[in-house]
Amino acid sequence: MSDDDNELISQLHNETAKLPWHELERHFARGSVIKVVNGLDLIKVAVALTKDDKAGLEKWLADGTVSNASIDDAKIWHECSTQFWTVVVAPWVLVQPIDNKLDS
C-alpha cells in the first residue's frame, strides 16, 4: 500500500461519524445514500469510490453488499431510529447500520 493510500484511509477514518437516520434523510431524498452491509469494511468501499475502482464496486453491487438505499430501507430505518456509521465521498453518503449487539 502506498503512502497516498495510507493517507486517504487515514483521512476517511477521520471523516467517519455515527449519525441517526433522521440526520441522513435529506441525503436520501437527494438520492445520494449508498448502503454498505455489515461485515464489509466501510472505509474500503469509500476508498474504492474515491479511486474509481470500477471492478471492486461492480462486484459489490452485483452481490448486493453495496447498493443504493431503497424506500423500503428508509422506512425501516425511520421506524427503528437506526444509527449508522457514515462517511462522505461526495456526492455520495455511505451508510452502514450499526449493529448495537456488536457496538458496545
Protein backbone atom coordinates (compact mmCIF):
# COMPACT_ATOMS: atom_id res chain seq x y z
CA MET A 1 0.00 0.00 0.00
CA SER A 2 1.37 3.40 -0.94
CA ASP A 3 1.74 6.42 1.34
CA ASP A 4 -1.06 8.08 -0.66
CA ASP A 5 -3.35 5.10 0.09
CA ASN A 6 -2.47 5.24 3.78
CA GLU A 7 -3.12 8.98 3.84
CA LEU A 8 -6.50 8.51 2.12
CA ILE A 9 -7.50 5.75 4.55
CA SER A 10 -6.50 7.92 7.50
CA GLN A 11 -8.43 10.88 6.11
CA LEU A 12 -11.57 8.78 5.56
CA HIS A 13 -11.33 7.33 9.08
CA ASN A 14 -11.16 10.87 10.45
CA GLU A 15 -14.27 11.83 8.47
CA THR A 16 -16.32 8.84 9.63
CA ALA A 17 -19.12 9.60 12.08
CA LYS A 18 -22.05 8.00 13.85
CA LEU A 19 -25.34 9.56 12.78
CA PRO A 20 -29.02 8.78 13.32
CA TRP A 21 -31.24 8.21 10.31
CA HIS A 22 -33.15 11.47 10.79
CA GLU A 23 -29.93 13.37 10.02
CA LEU A 24 -29.47 11.37 6.80
CA GLU A 25 -33.00 11.58 5.41
CA ARG A 26 -32.31 14.75 3.38
CA HIS A 27 -29.41 12.99 1.66
CA PHE A 28 -31.69 10.04 0.91
CA ALA A 29 -34.23 12.45 -0.61
CA ARG A 30 -31.48 13.64 -2.98
CA GLY A 31 -30.69 10.04 -3.94
CA SER A 32 -27.16 10.13 -2.57
CA VAL A 33 -27.27 7.46 0.17
CA ILE A 34 -25.30 4.29 -0.53
CA LYS A 35 -25.91 1.34 1.81
CA VAL A 36 -22.97 -0.86 2.82
CA VAL A 37 -23.90 -4.10 4.58
CA ASN A 38 -22.42 -5.01 7.94
CA GLY A 39 -19.33 -7.14 7.55
CA LEU A 40 -17.96 -5.15 4.61
CA ASP A 41 -15.35 -2.52 5.54
CA LEU A 42 -16.99 0.89 5.08
CA ILE A 43 -13.62 2.55 4.55
CA LYS A 44 -12.66 0.00 1.89
CA VAL A 45 -15.80 0.94 -0.05
CA ALA A 46 -15.07 4.65 0.42
CA VAL A 47 -11.54 4.15 -0.92
CA ALA A 48 -12.90 2.26 -3.93
CA LEU A 49 -15.33 5.10 -4.68
CA THR A 50 -12.63 7.73 -4.25
CA LYS A 51 -10.25 5.86 -6.55
CA ASP A 52 -13.00 4.94 -9.06
CA ASP A 53 -12.31 1.20 -8.63
CA LYS A 54 -15.00 0.04 -11.04
CA ALA A 55 -14.17 -3.68 -10.75
CA GLY A 56 -14.48 -3.67 -6.97
CA LEU A 57 -17.61 -1.56 -6.98
CA GLU A 58 -19.28 -3.68 -9.68
CA LYS A 59 -18.58 -6.84 -7.64
CA TRP A 60 -20.17 -5.36 -4.52
CA LEU A 61 -23.13 -4.01 -6.47
CA ALA A 62 -23.65 -7.40 -8.13
CA ASP A 63 -23.58 -9.32 -4.85
CA GLY A 64 -25.75 -6.73 -3.06
CA THR A 65 -23.24 -5.80 -0.37
CA VAL A 66 -23.29 -2.22 -1.68
CA SER A 67 -26.46 -0.68 -3.07
CA ASN A 68 -28.50 2.47 -3.33
CA ALA A 69 -30.66 2.86 -0.26
CA SER A 70 -34.24 1.97 -1.15
CA ILE A 71 -37.52 3.46 0.01
CA ASP A 72 -38.09 0.25 1.99
CA ASP A 73 -34.72 0.72 3.71
CA ALA A 74 -35.64 4.31 4.55
CA LYS A 75 -39.00 3.29 6.03
CA ILE A 76 -37.41 0.65 8.26
CA TRP A 77 -34.59 2.95 9.33
CA HIS A 78 -37.08 5.71 10.15
CA GLU A 79 -39.34 3.39 12.15
CA CYS A 80 -36.40 1.92 14.07
CA SER A 81 -34.46 5.19 14.53
CA THR A 82 -31.44 3.38 13.13
CA GLN A 83 -27.92 4.63 13.89
CA PHE A 84 -25.22 4.46 11.22
CA TRP A 85 -21.54 4.68 10.64
CA THR A 86 -21.23 7.21 7.83
CA VAL A 87 -18.59 8.67 5.55
CA VAL A 88 -18.99 11.14 2.71
CA VAL A 89 -17.40 10.56 -0.68
CA ALA A 90 -19.05 13.44 -2.49
CA PRO A 91 -21.64 13.34 -3.85
CA TRP A 92 -22.33 10.08 -2.01
CA VAL A 93 -23.01 9.42 1.65
CA LEU A 94 -22.05 5.86 2.55
CA VAL A 95 -24.04 4.42 5.44
CA GLN A 96 -23.67 1.23 7.40
CA PRO A 97 -26.26 0.36 10.05
CA ILE A 98 -24.72 -0.09 13.47
CA ASP A 99 -25.36 -3.49 14.97
CA ASN A 100 -25.91 -2.47 18.59
CA LYS A 101 -25.11 -6.00 19.76
CA LEU A 102 -21.62 -5.65 18.29
CA ASP A 103 -21.13 -1.95 19.01
CA SER A 104 -20.89 -1.83 22.78
